[in-house]
PDB file of N, CA and C in Angstrom:
ATOM      1  N   HIS A   1      82.780 145.725  26.123  1.00  0.00           N
ATOM      2  CA  HIS A   1      82.059 144.561  26.634  1.00  0.00           C
ATOM      3  C   HIS A   1      82.936 143.333  26.426  1.00  0.00           C
ATOM      4  N   VAL A   2      83.321 142.672  27.514  1.00  0.00           N
ATOM      5  CA  VAL A   2      84.170 141.501  27.444  1.00  0.00           C
ATOM      6  C   VAL A   2      83.329 140.258  27.179  1.00  0.00           C
ATOM      7  N   GLN A   3      83.780 139.470  26.237  1.00  0.00           N
ATOM      8  CA  GLN A   3      83.055 138.250  25.909  1.00  0.00           C
ATOM      9  C   GLN A   3      84.036 137.135  25.577  1.00  0.00           C
ATOM     10  N   LEU A   4      83.790 135.958  26.123  1.00  0.00           N
ATOM     11  CA  LEU A   4      84.566 134.760  25.824  1.00  0.00           C
ATOM     12  C   LEU A   4      83.607 133.728  25.256  1.00  0.00           C
ATOM     13  N   VAL A   5      83.922 133.217  24.083  1.00  0.00           N
ATOM     14  CA  VAL A   5      83.039 132.255  23.435  1.00  0.00           C
ATOM     15  C   VAL A   5      83.836 131.019  23.064  1.00  0.00           C
ATOM     16  N   GLU A   6      83.463 129.885  23.674  1.00  0.00           N
ATOM     17  CA  GLU A   6      84.145 128.624  23.380  1.00  0.00           C
ATOM     18  C   GLU A   6      83.476 127.924  22.207  1.00  0.00           C
ATOM     19  N   SER A   7      84.261 127.098  21.539  1.00  0.00           N
ATOM     20  CA  SER A   7      83.735 126.244  20.476  1.00  0.00           C
ATOM     21  C   SER A   7      84.661 125.046  20.329  1.00  0.00           C
ATOM     22  N   GLY A   8      84.176 124.038  19.610  1.00  0.00           N
ATOM     23  CA  GLY A   8      85.026 122.892  19.311  1.00  0.00           C
ATOM     24  C   GLY A   8      84.745 121.641  20.124  1.00  0.00           C
ATOM     25  N   GLY A   9      83.818 121.729  21.055  1.00  0.00           N
ATOM     26  CA  GLY A   9      83.500 120.541  21.836  1.00  0.00           C
ATOM     27  C   GLY A   9      82.781 119.504  20.988  1.00  0.00           C
ATOM     28  N   GLY A  10      82.620 118.314  21.555  1.00  0.00           N
ATOM     29  CA  GLY A  10      81.920 117.261  20.847  1.00  0.00           C
ATOM     30  C   GLY A  10      82.171 115.925  21.484  1.00  0.00           C
ATOM     31  N   SER A  11      81.834 114.885  20.756  1.00  0.00           N
ATOM     32  CA  SER A  11      82.019 113.523  21.235  1.00  0.00           C
ATOM     33  C   SER A  11      83.144 112.858  20.455  1.00  0.00           C
ATOM     34  N   VAL A  12      83.945 112.096  21.172  1.00  0.00           N
ATOM     35  CA  VAL A  12      85.091 111.443  20.538  1.00  0.00           C
ATOM     36  C   VAL A  12      85.358 110.135  21.270  1.00  0.00           C
ATOM     37  N   GLN A  13      85.940 109.200  20.574  1.00  0.00           N
ATOM     38  CA  GLN A  13      86.302 107.934  21.212  1.00  0.00           C
ATOM     39  C   GLN A  13      87.611 108.089  21.975  1.00  0.00           C
ATOM     40  N   ALA A  14      87.781 107.257  22.963  1.00  0.00           N
ATOM     41  CA  ALA A  14      89.010 107.270  23.750  1.00  0.00           C
ATOM     42  C   ALA A  14      90.212 107.107  22.825  1.00  0.00           C
ATOM     43  N   GLY A  15      91.236 107.901  23.097  1.00  0.00           N
ATOM     44  CA  GLY A  15      92.417 107.908  22.248  1.00  0.00           C
ATOM     45  C   GLY A  15      92.384 108.962  21.164  1.00  0.00           C
ATOM     46  N   GLY A  16      91.219 109.554  20.968  1.00  0.00           N
ATOM     47  CA  GLY A  16      91.074 110.561  19.930  1.00  0.00           C
ATOM     48  C   GLY A  16      91.512 111.937  20.384  1.00  0.00           C
ATOM     49  N   SER A  17      91.303 112.915  19.512  1.00  0.00           N
ATOM     50  CA  SER A  17      91.733 114.291  19.774  1.00  0.00           C
ATOM     51  C   SER A  17      90.610 115.272  19.484  1.00  0.00           C
ATOM     52  N   LEU A  18      90.664 116.388  20.166  1.00  0.00           N
ATOM     53  CA  LEU A  18      89.758 117.505  19.915  1.00  0.00           C
ATOM     54  C   LEU A  18      90.531 118.786  20.153  1.00  0.00           C
ATOM     55  N   ARG A  19      90.129 119.846  19.473  1.00  0.00           N
ATOM     56  CA  ARG A  19      90.715 121.157  19.746  1.00  0.00           C
ATOM     57  C   ARG A  19      89.596 122.123  20.082  1.00  0.00           C
ATOM     58  N   LEU A  20      89.698 122.707  21.248  1.00  0.00           N
ATOM     59  CA  LEU A  20      88.755 123.725  21.667  1.00  0.00           C
ATOM     60  C   LEU A  20      89.319 125.103  21.363  1.00  0.00           C
ATOM     61  N   SER A  21      88.421 126.021  21.077  1.00  0.00           N
ATOM     62  CA  SER A  21      88.807 127.408  20.839  1.00  0.00           C
ATOM     63  C   SER A  21      88.018 128.311  21.772  1.00  0.00           C
ATOM     64  N   CYS A  22      88.617 129.405  22.128  1.00  0.00           N
ATOM     65  CA  CYS A  22      87.946 130.418  22.938  1.00  0.00           C
ATOM     66  C   CYS A  22      88.283 131.779  22.334  1.00  0.00           C
ATOM     67  N   THR A  23      87.299 132.397  21.737  1.00  0.00           N
ATOM     68  CA  THR A  23      87.496 133.702  21.119  1.00  0.00           C
ATOM     69  C   THR A  23      87.172 134.781  22.128  1.00  0.00           C
ATOM     70  N   ALA A  24      88.151 135.620  22.382  1.00  0.00           N
ATOM     71  CA  ALA A  24      87.976 136.699  23.349  1.00  0.00           C
ATOM     72  C   ALA A  24      87.768 138.015  22.626  1.00  0.00           C
ATOM     73  N   SER A  25      86.865 138.811  23.123  1.00  0.00           N
ATOM     74  CA  SER A  25      86.627 140.128  22.539  1.00  0.00           C
ATOM     75  C   SER A  25      86.460 141.137  23.664  1.00  0.00           C
ATOM     76  N   GLY A  26      86.817 142.352  23.363  1.00  0.00           N
ATOM     77  CA  GLY A  26      86.619 143.411  24.340  1.00  0.00           C
ATOM     78  C   GLY A  26      87.894 143.911  24.980  1.00  0.00           C
ATOM     79  N   TYR A  27      88.895 143.017  25.074  1.00  0.00           N
ATOM     80  CA  TYR A  27      90.169 143.434  25.663  1.00  0.00           C
ATOM     81  C   TYR A  27      91.193 142.319  25.489  1.00  0.00           C
ATOM     82  N   ILE A  28      92.439 142.617  25.831  1.00  0.00           N
ATOM     83  CA  ILE A  28      93.514 141.634  25.784  1.00  0.00           C
ATOM     84  C   ILE A  28      93.863 141.261  27.223  1.00  0.00           C
ATOM     85  N   SER A  29      93.799 139.971  27.526  1.00  0.00           N
ATOM     86  CA  SER A  29      94.065 139.505  28.879  1.00  0.00           C
ATOM     87  C   SER A  29      95.518 139.084  29.044  1.00  0.00           C
ATOM     88  N   ASN A  30      96.069 139.324  30.237  1.00  0.00           N
ATOM     89  CA  ASN A  30      97.442 138.890  30.536  1.00  0.00           C
ATOM     90  C   ASN A  30      97.545 137.390  30.733  1.00  0.00           C
ATOM     91  N   CYS A  31      96.414 136.740  31.011  1.00  0.00           N
ATOM     92  CA  CYS A  31      96.462 135.311  31.276  1.00  0.00           C
ATOM     93  C   CYS A  31      95.108 134.698  30.987  1.00  0.00           C
ATOM     94  N   MET A  32      95.109 133.623  30.228  1.00  0.00           N
ATOM     95  CA  MET A  32      93.875 132.910  29.924  1.00  0.00           C
ATOM     96  C   MET A  32      94.096 131.426  30.172  1.00  0.00           C
ATOM     97  N   GLY A  33      93.031 130.758  30.487  1.00  0.00           N
ATOM     98  CA  GLY A  33      93.181 129.345  30.775  1.00  0.00           C
ATOM     99  C   GLY A  33      91.909 128.563  30.566  1.00  0.00           C
ATOM    100  N   TRP A  34      92.025 127.279  30.808  1.00  0.00           N
ATOM    101  CA  TRP A  34      90.908 126.349  30.656  1.00  0.00           C
ATOM    102  C   TRP A  34      90.628 125.650  31.981  1.00  0.00           C
ATOM    103  N   PHE A  35      89.354 125.478  32.255  1.00  0.00           N
ATOM    104  CA  PHE A  35      88.881 124.720  33.399  1.00  0.00           C
ATOM    105  C   PHE A  35      87.846 123.723  32.896  1.00  0.00           C
ATOM    106  N   ARG A  36      87.556 122.730  33.730  1.00  0.00           N
ATOM    107  CA  ARG A  36      86.524 121.781  33.343  1.00  0.00           C
ATOM    108  C   ARG A  36      85.696 121.376  34.549  1.00  0.00           C
ATOM    109  N   LEU A  37      84.470 121.003  34.251  1.00  0.00           N
ATOM    110  CA  LEU A  37      83.533 120.600  35.291  1.00  0.00           C
ATOM    111  C   LEU A  37      82.864 119.308  34.852  1.00  0.00           C
ATOM    112  N   ALA A  38      83.142 118.253  35.602  1.00  0.00           N
ATOM    113  CA  ALA A  38      82.549 116.952  35.323  1.00  0.00           C
ATOM    114  C   ALA A  38      81.408 116.702  36.294  1.00  0.00           C
ATOM    115  N   PRO A  39      80.432 115.899  35.893  1.00  0.00           N
ATOM    116  CA  PRO A  39      79.291 115.622  36.774  1.00  0.00           C
ATOM    117  C   PRO A  39      79.747 115.063  38.118  1.00  0.00           C
ATOM    118  N   GLY A  40      79.249 115.661  39.187  1.00  0.00           N
ATOM    119  CA  GLY A  40      79.564 115.168  40.515  1.00  0.00           C
ATOM    120  C   GLY A  40      80.929 115.546  41.025  1.00  0.00           C
ATOM    121  N   LYS A  41      81.655 116.352  40.276  1.00  0.00           N
ATOM    122  CA  LYS A  41      83.011 116.732  40.694  1.00  0.00           C
ATOM    123  C   LYS A  41      83.132 118.243  40.791  1.00  0.00           C
ATOM    124  N   GLU A  42      84.158 118.689  41.472  1.00  0.00           N
ATOM    125  CA  GLU A  42      84.426 120.118  41.558  1.00  0.00           C
ATOM    126  C   GLU A  42      85.121 120.596  40.288  1.00  0.00           C
ATOM    127  N   ARG A  43      85.010 121.893  40.047  1.00  0.00           N
ATOM    128  CA  ARG A  43      85.693 122.471  38.892  1.00  0.00           C
ATOM    129  C   ARG A  43      87.195 122.254  39.014  1.00  0.00           C
ATOM    130  N   GLN A  44      87.802 121.864  37.923  1.00  0.00           N
ATOM    131  CA  GLN A  44      89.224 121.551  37.901  1.00  0.00           C
ATOM    132  C   GLN A  44      89.939 122.449  36.910  1.00  0.00           C
ATOM    133  N   ALA A  45      91.080 122.948  37.318  1.00  0.00           N
ATOM    134  CA  ALA A  45      91.924 123.702  36.396  1.00  0.00           C
ATOM    135  C   ALA A  45      92.582 122.736  35.425  1.00  0.00           C
ATOM    136  N   VAL A  46      92.648 123.135  34.169  1.00  0.00           N
ATOM    137  CA  VAL A  46      93.269 122.287  33.141  1.00  0.00           C
ATOM    138  C   VAL A  46      94.641 122.832  32.774  1.00  0.00           C
ATOM    139  N   GLY A  47      94.695 124.111  32.475  1.00  0.00           N
ATOM    140  CA  GLY A  47      95.958 124.721  32.109  1.00  0.00           C
ATOM    141  C   GLY A  47      95.755 126.174  31.750  1.00  0.00           C
ATOM    142  N   HIS A  48      96.865 126.916  31.709  1.00  0.00           N
ATOM    143  CA  HIS A  48      96.754 128.323  31.360  1.00  0.00           C
ATOM    144  C   HIS A  48      97.983 128.772  30.583  1.00  0.00           C
ATOM    145  N   ILE A  49      97.858 129.964  30.000  1.00  0.00           N
ATOM    146  CA  ILE A  49      98.976 130.560  29.285  1.00  0.00           C
ATOM    147  C   ILE A  49      99.039 132.028  29.630  1.00  0.00           C
ATOM    148  N   GLY A  50     100.240 132.492  29.953  1.00  0.00           N
ATOM    149  CA  GLY A  50     100.426 133.888  30.271  1.00  0.00           C
ATOM    150  C   GLY A  50     100.711 134.700  29.020  1.00  0.00           C
ATOM    151  N   ILE A  51     100.746 135.994  29.202  1.00  0.00           N
ATOM    152  CA  ILE A  51     100.975 136.899  28.073  1.00  0.00           C
ATOM    153  C   ILE A  51     102.356 136.672  27.452  1.00  0.00           C
ATOM    154  N   ASP A  52     103.279 136.126  28.261  1.00  0.00           N
ATOM    155  CA  ASP A  52     104.624 135.853  27.760  1.00  0.00           C
ATOM    156  C   ASP A  52     104.741 134.471  27.140  1.00  0.00           C
ATOM    157  N   GLY A  53     103.627 133.742  27.088  1.00  0.00           N
ATOM    158  CA  GLY A  53     103.638 132.413  26.486  1.00  0.00           C
ATOM    159  C   GLY A  53     103.920 131.281  27.446  1.00  0.00           C
ATOM    160  N   THR A  54     104.195 131.611  28.688  1.00  0.00           N
ATOM    161  CA  THR A  54     104.444 130.575  29.688  1.00  0.00           C
ATOM    162  C   THR A  54     103.173 129.789  29.966  1.00  0.00           C
ATOM    163  N   THR A  55     103.291 128.478  29.984  1.00  0.00           N
ATOM    164  CA  THR A  55     102.130 127.621  30.218  1.00  0.00           C
ATOM    165  C   THR A  55     102.312 126.785  31.474  1.00  0.00           C
ATOM    166  N   ASP A  56     101.205 126.320  31.989  1.00  0.00           N
ATOM    167  CA  ASP A  56     101.214 125.403  33.123  1.00  0.00           C
ATOM    168  C   ASP A  56      99.996 124.511  32.999  1.00  0.00           C
ATOM    169  N   TYR A  57     100.122 123.277  33.483  1.00  0.00           N
ATOM    170  CA  TYR A  57      99.062 122.297  33.285  1.00  0.00           C
ATOM    171  C   TYR A  57      98.786 121.508  34.555  1.00  0.00           C
ATOM    172  N   ALA A  58      97.568 121.013  34.641  1.00  0.00           N
ATOM    173  CA  ALA A  58      97.247 120.067  35.691  1.00  0.00           C
ATOM    174  C   ALA A  58      97.985 118.764  35.394  1.00  0.00           C
ATOM    175  N   ARG A  59      98.355 118.078  36.444  1.00  0.00           N
ATOM    176  CA  ARG A  59      99.132 116.852  36.275  1.00  0.00           C
ATOM    177  C   ARG A  59      98.372 115.828  35.433  1.00  0.00           C
ATOM    178  N   SER A  60      97.059 115.808  35.564  1.00  0.00           N
ATOM    179  CA  SER A  60      96.255 114.794  34.877  1.00  0.00           C
ATOM    180  C   SER A  60      96.221 114.968  33.367  1.00  0.00           C
ATOM    181  N   VAL A  61      96.582 116.156  32.883  1.00  0.00           N
ATOM    182  CA  VAL A  61      96.517 116.404  31.441  1.00  0.00           C
ATOM    183  C   VAL A  61      97.871 116.711  30.832  1.00  0.00           C
ATOM    184  N   LYS A  62      98.854 116.888  31.678  1.00  0.00           N
ATOM    185  CA  LYS A  62     100.180 117.215  31.170  1.00  0.00           C
ATOM    186  C   LYS A  62     100.645 116.123  30.216  1.00  0.00           C
ATOM    187  N   ASP A  63     101.292 116.512  29.140  1.00  0.00           N
ATOM    188  CA  ASP A  63     101.782 115.604  28.094  1.00  0.00           C
ATOM    189  C   ASP A  63     100.680 115.120  27.160  1.00  0.00           C
ATOM    190  N   ARG A  64      99.431 115.492  27.453  1.00  0.00           N
ATOM    191  CA  ARG A  64      98.339 115.150  26.527  1.00  0.00           C
ATOM    192  C   ARG A  64      97.650 116.403  25.979  1.00  0.00           C
ATOM    193  N   PHE A  65      97.565 117.450  26.772  1.00  0.00           N
ATOM    194  CA  PHE A  65      96.873 118.668  26.370  1.00  0.00           C
ATOM    195  C   PHE A  65      97.890 119.793  26.160  1.00  0.00           C
ATOM    196  N   VAL A  66      97.573 120.680  25.222  1.00  0.00           N
ATOM    197  CA  VAL A  66      98.425 121.836  24.969  1.00  0.00           C
ATOM    198  C   VAL A  66      97.562 123.090  24.898  1.00  0.00           C
ATOM    199  N   VAL A  67      97.927 124.079  25.707  1.00  0.00           N
ATOM    200  CA  VAL A  67      97.257 125.379  25.669  1.00  0.00           C
ATOM    201  C   VAL A  67      98.100 126.315  24.819  1.00  0.00           C
ATOM    202  N   SER A  68      97.453 127.003  23.902  1.00  0.00           N
ATOM    203  CA  SER A  68      98.160 127.968  23.064  1.00  0.00           C
ATOM    204  C   SER A  68      97.247 129.154  22.804  1.00  0.00           C
ATOM    205  N   LYS A  69      97.826 130.206  22.269  1.00  0.00           N
ATOM    206  CA  LYS A  69      97.040 131.418  22.013  1.00  0.00           C
ATOM    207  C   LYS A  69      97.543 132.098  20.768  1.00  0.00           C
ATOM    208  N   ASP A  70      96.607 132.475  19.942  1.00  0.00           N
ATOM    209  CA  ASP A  70      96.896 133.295  18.774  1.00  0.00           C
ATOM    210  C   ASP A  70      96.663 134.737  19.203  1.00  0.00           C
ATOM    211  N   ASN A  71      97.743 135.424  19.508  1.00  0.00           N
ATOM    212  CA  ASN A  71      97.611 136.780  20.035  1.00  0.00           C
ATOM    213  C   ASN A  71      97.054 137.757  19.000  1.00  0.00           C
ATOM    214  N   ALA A  72      97.350 137.517  17.742  1.00  0.00           N
ATOM    215  CA  ALA A  72      96.853 138.420  16.701  1.00  0.00           C
ATOM    216  C   ALA A  72      95.330 138.350  16.604  1.00  0.00           C
ATOM    217  N   LYS A  73      94.799 137.141  16.803  1.00  0.00           N
ATOM    218  CA  LYS A  73      93.350 136.962  16.700  1.00  0.00           C
ATOM    219  C   LYS A  73      92.667 136.949  18.073  1.00  0.00           C
ATOM    220  N   ASN A  74      93.481 136.928  19.117  1.00  0.00           N
ATOM    221  CA  ASN A  74      92.951 136.880  20.484  1.00  0.00           C
ATOM    222  C   ASN A  74      92.087 135.639  20.696  1.00  0.00           C
ATOM    223  N   ILE A  75      92.610 134.505  20.254  1.00  0.00           N
ATOM    224  CA  ILE A  75      91.916 133.234  20.403  1.00  0.00           C
ATOM    225  C   ILE A  75      92.784 132.292  21.236  1.00  0.00           C
ATOM    226  N   LEU A  76      92.172 131.702  22.226  1.00  0.00           N
ATOM    227  CA  LEU A  76      92.821 130.710  23.073  1.00  0.00           C
ATOM    228  C   LEU A  76      92.441 129.327  22.575  1.00  0.00           C
ATOM    229  N   TYR A  77      93.408 128.400  22.579  1.00  0.00           N
ATOM    230  CA  TYR A  77      93.151 127.043  22.120  1.00  0.00           C
ATOM    231  C   TYR A  77      93.477 126.036  23.208  1.00  0.00           C
ATOM    232  N   LEU A  78      92.822 124.906  23.125  1.00  0.00           N
ATOM    233  CA  LEU A  78      93.179 123.756  23.943  1.00  0.00           C
ATOM    234  C   LEU A  78      93.198 122.542  23.025  1.00  0.00           C
ATOM    235  N   GLN A  79      94.383 122.076  22.708  1.00  0.00           N
ATOM    236  CA  GLN A  79      94.526 120.860  21.912  1.00  0.00           C
ATOM    237  C   GLN A  79      94.548 119.683  22.875  1.00  0.00           C
ATOM    238  N   MET A  80      93.612 118.778  22.714  1.00  0.00           N
ATOM    239  CA  MET A  80      93.484 117.633  23.607  1.00  0.00           C
ATOM    240  C   MET A  80      93.756 116.359  22.825  1.00  0.00           C
ATOM    241  N   ASN A  81      94.790 115.649  23.214  1.00  0.00           N
ATOM    242  CA  ASN A  81      95.184 114.419  22.547  1.00  0.00           C
ATOM    243  C   ASN A  81      95.063 113.237  23.507  1.00  0.00           C
ATOM    244  N   ASN A  82      94.974 112.042  22.921  1.00  0.00           N
ATOM    245  CA  ASN A  82      94.878 110.830  23.719  1.00  0.00           C
ATOM    246  C   ASN A  82      93.799 110.978  24.798  1.00  0.00           C
ATOM    247  N   LEU A  83      92.632 111.387  24.373  1.00  0.00           N
ATOM    248  CA  LEU A  83      91.547 111.640  25.315  1.00  0.00           C
ATOM    249  C   LEU A  83      91.098 110.364  26.009  1.00  0.00           C
ATOM    250  N   LYS A  84      90.714 110.533  27.265  1.00  0.00           N
ATOM    251  CA  LYS A  84      90.264 109.418  28.094  1.00  0.00           C
ATOM    252  C   LYS A  84      88.835 109.690  28.565  1.00  0.00           C
ATOM    253  N   PRO A  85      88.086 108.656  28.904  1.00  0.00           N
ATOM    254  CA  PRO A  85      86.721 108.876  29.397  1.00  0.00           C
ATOM    255  C   PRO A  85      86.663 109.843  30.581  1.00  0.00           C
ATOM    256  N   GLU A  86      87.670 109.846  31.411  1.00  0.00           N
ATOM    257  CA  GLU A  86      87.672 110.745  32.565  1.00  0.00           C
ATOM    258  C   GLU A  86      87.892 112.209  32.177  1.00  0.00           C
ATOM    259  N   ASP A  87      88.171 112.478  30.901  1.00  0.00           N
ATOM    260  CA  ASP A  87      88.258 113.854  30.427  1.00  0.00           C
ATOM    261  C   ASP A  87      86.882 114.422  30.091  1.00  0.00           C
ATOM    262  N   THR A  88      85.866 113.582  30.140  1.00  0.00           N
ATOM    263  CA  THR A  88      84.506 114.041  29.857  1.00  0.00           C
ATOM    264  C   THR A  88      84.099 115.121  30.851  1.00  0.00           C
ATOM    265  N   ALA A  89      83.699 116.262  30.326  1.00  0.00           N
ATOM    266  CA  ALA A  89      83.351 117.403  31.178  1.00  0.00           C
ATOM    267  C   ALA A  89      82.882 118.553  30.301  1.00  0.00           C
ATOM    268  N   ILE A  90      82.356 119.571  30.955  1.00  0.00           N
ATOM    269  CA  ILE A  90      82.138 120.850  30.281  1.00  0.00           C
ATOM    270  C   ILE A  90      83.421 121.650  30.463  1.00  0.00           C
ATOM    271  N   TYR A  91      83.951 122.145  29.386  1.00  0.00           N
ATOM    272  CA  TYR A  91      85.195 122.904  29.416  1.00  0.00           C
ATOM    273  C   TYR A  91      84.887 124.388  29.269  1.00  0.00           C
ATOM    274  N   PHE A  92      85.490 125.167  30.158  1.00  0.00           N
ATOM    275  CA  PHE A  92      85.290 126.603  30.181  1.00  0.00           C
ATOM    276  C   PHE A  92      86.620 127.310  29.975  1.00  0.00           C
ATOM    277  N   CYS A  93      86.603 128.382  29.225  1.00  0.00           N
ATOM    278  CA  CYS A  93      87.786 129.227  29.200  1.00  0.00           C
ATOM    279  C   CYS A  93      87.567 130.387  30.165  1.00  0.00           C
ATOM    280  N   ALA A  94      88.667 130.910  30.656  1.00  0.00           N
ATOM    281  CA  ALA A  94      88.626 132.008  31.604  1.00  0.00           C
ATOM    282  C   ALA A  94      89.768 132.964  31.302  1.00  0.00           C
ATOM    283  N   ALA A  95      89.581 134.218  31.668  1.00  0.00           N
ATOM    284  CA  ALA A  95      90.588 135.239  31.414  1.00  0.00           C
ATOM    285  C   ALA A  95      90.641 136.198  32.589  1.00  0.00           C
ATOM    286  N   VAL A  96      91.835 136.533  33.013  1.00  0.00           N
ATOM    287  CA  VAL A  96      91.956 137.482  34.111  1.00  0.00           C
ATOM    288  C   VAL A  96      91.576 138.877  33.634  1.00  0.00           C
ATOM    289  N   ARG A  97      91.195 139.686  34.545  1.00  0.00           N
ATOM    290  CA  ARG A  97      90.775 141.055  34.223  1.00  0.00           C
ATOM    291  C   ARG A  97      91.986 141.929  33.910  1.00  0.00           C
ATOM    292  N   SER A  98      91.702 143.053  33.335  1.00  0.00           N
ATOM    293  CA  SER A  98      92.744 143.976  32.904  1.00  0.00           C
ATOM    294  C   SER A  98      93.691 144.307  34.057  1.00  0.00           C
ATOM    295  N   GLY A  99      94.994 144.184  33.814  1.00  0.00           N
ATOM    296  CA  GLY A  99      95.990 144.502  34.825  1.00  0.00           C
ATOM    297  C   GLY A  99      96.349 143.355  35.747  1.00  0.00           C
ATOM    298  N   GLU A 100      95.570 142.280  35.726  1.00  0.00           N
ATOM    299  CA  GLU A 100      95.835 141.144  36.605  1.00  0.00           C
ATOM    300  C   GLU A 100      96.764 140.145  35.938  1.00  0.00           C
ATOM    301  N   ARG A 101      97.345 139.267  36.765  1.00  0.00           N
ATOM    302  CA  ARG A 101      98.232 138.235  36.272  1.00  0.00           C
ATOM    303  C   ARG A 101      97.627 136.859  36.529  1.00  0.00           C
ATOM    304  N   CYS A 102      98.370 135.815  36.177  1.00  0.00           N
ATOM    305  CA  CYS A 102      97.815 134.465  36.205  1.00  0.00           C
ATOM    306  C   CYS A 102      97.259 133.995  37.559  1.00  0.00           C
ATOM    307  N   PRO A 103      97.865 134.365  38.679  1.00  0.00           N
ATOM    308  CA  PRO A 103      97.254 133.911  39.952  1.00  0.00           C
ATOM    309  C   PRO A 103      95.796 134.311  40.093  1.00  0.00           C
ATOM    310  N   ALA A 104      95.408 135.416  39.476  1.00  0.00           N
ATOM    311  CA  ALA A 104      94.019 135.857  39.568  1.00  0.00           C
ATOM    312  C   ALA A 104      93.077 134.911  38.835  1.00  0.00           C
ATOM    313  N   LEU A 105      93.612 134.092  37.956  1.00  0.00           N
ATOM    314  CA  LEU A 105      92.776 133.109  37.256  1.00  0.00           C
ATOM    315  C   LEU A 105      92.187 132.118  38.262  1.00  0.00           C
ATOM    316  N   TYR A 106      92.940 131.873  39.339  1.00  0.00           N
ATOM    317  CA  TYR A 106      92.555 130.868  40.322  1.00  0.00           C
ATOM    318  C   TYR A 106      92.050 131.472  41.625  1.00  0.00           C
ATOM    319  N   HIS A 107      92.441 132.699  41.902  1.00  0.00           N
ATOM    320  CA  HIS A 107      92.097 133.299  43.190  1.00  0.00           C
ATOM    321  C   HIS A 107      91.334 134.602  43.073  1.00  0.00           C
ATOM    322  N   GLY A 108      91.036 134.992  41.843  1.00  0.00           N
ATOM    323  CA  GLY A 108      90.319 136.251  41.651  1.00  0.00           C
ATOM    324  C   GLY A 108      88.941 136.023  41.074  1.00  0.00           C
ATOM    325  N   ARG A 109      88.521 136.973  40.257  1.00  0.00           N
ATOM    326  CA  ARG A 109      87.213 136.899  39.603  1.00  0.00           C
ATOM    327  C   ARG A 109      87.399 137.024  38.101  1.00  0.00           C
ATOM    328  N   PRO A 110      87.882 135.951  37.484  1.00  0.00           N
ATOM    329  CA  PRO A 110      88.124 136.030  36.037  1.00  0.00           C
ATOM    330  C   PRO A 110      86.818 136.097  35.250  1.00  0.00           C
ATOM    331  N   TYR A 111      86.938 136.485  34.016  1.00  0.00           N
ATOM    332  CA  TYR A 111      85.811 136.374  33.098  1.00  0.00           C
ATOM    333  C   TYR A 111      85.706 134.907  32.656  1.00  0.00           C
ATOM    334  N   TRP A 112      84.479 134.480  32.406  1.00  0.00           N
ATOM    335  CA  TRP A 112      84.231 133.091  32.013  1.00  0.00           C
ATOM    336  C   TRP A 112      83.467 133.012  30.706  1.00  0.00           C
ATOM    337  N   GLY A 113      83.762 131.967  29.948  1.00  0.00           N
ATOM    338  CA  GLY A 113      82.953 131.647  28.792  1.00  0.00           C
ATOM    339  C   GLY A 113      81.752 130.822  29.220  1.00  0.00           C
ATOM    340  N   GLN A 114      80.943 130.442  28.247  1.00  0.00           N
ATOM    341  CA  GLN A 114      79.707 129.727  28.562  1.00  0.00           C
ATOM    342  C   GLN A 114      79.912 128.219  28.677  1.00  0.00           C
ATOM    343  N   GLY A 115      81.055 127.729  28.219  1.00  0.00           N
ATOM    344  CA  GLY A 115      81.364 126.308  28.317  1.00  0.00           C
ATOM    345  C   GLY A 115      81.016 125.544  27.050  1.00  0.00           C
ATOM    346  N   THR A 116      81.758 124.462  26.845  1.00  0.00           N
ATOM    347  CA  THR A 116      81.498 123.577  25.715  1.00  0.00           C
ATOM    348  C   THR A 116      81.692 122.134  26.193  1.00  0.00           C
ATOM    349  N   GLN A 117      80.777 121.264  25.799  1.00  0.00           N
ATOM    350  CA  GLN A 117      80.780 119.884  26.286  1.00  0.00           C
ATOM    351  C   GLN A 117      81.773 119.035  25.501  1.00  0.00           C
ATOM    352  N   VAL A 118      82.541 118.258  26.240  1.00  0.00           N
ATOM    353  CA  VAL A 118      83.432 117.260  25.653  1.00  0.00           C
ATOM    354  C   VAL A 118      83.051 115.914  26.249  1.00  0.00           C
ATOM    355  N   THR A 119      82.747 114.963  25.383  1.00  0.00           N
ATOM    356  CA  THR A 119      82.363 113.631  25.830  1.00  0.00           C
ATOM    357  C   THR A 119      83.298 112.609  25.194  1.00  0.00           C
ATOM    358  N   VAL A 120      83.930 111.802  26.030  1.00  0.00           N
ATOM    359  CA  VAL A 120      84.859 110.775  25.565  1.00  0.00           C
ATOM    360  C   VAL A 120      84.311 109.415  25.972  1.00  0.00           C
ATOM    361  N   SER A 121      84.148 108.537  24.997  1.00  0.00           N
ATOM    362  CA  SER A 121      83.585 107.222  25.301  1.00  0.00           C
ATOM    363  C   SER A 121      84.500 106.099  24.836  1.00  0.00           C
TER     364      SER A 121
END
């Protein structure tokens, strides 16, 4: 049974930092990433990390956010620094299915976590 559980969301002032975690159970994914959904906006990709450690980020968060993964614990992280009010959103982690690669994160049917709220004021 595949399960993704996010944690670490909360409220923070602009300029502050938060670290989100996503604990994966049930299998090891080749690619995991973070997405966010803000009120009135479409879901936005934040960043992802492949099994080889390669990362990629949305332009709006590059140089402020870092995606990392503890492979031993199968936990995905999102370190968010210099947060801005426009970063306010529900953040979701996602993981591609067994045998798939990172493009499937955006064009396939990845597994999703339940989301965690991040509010920046």
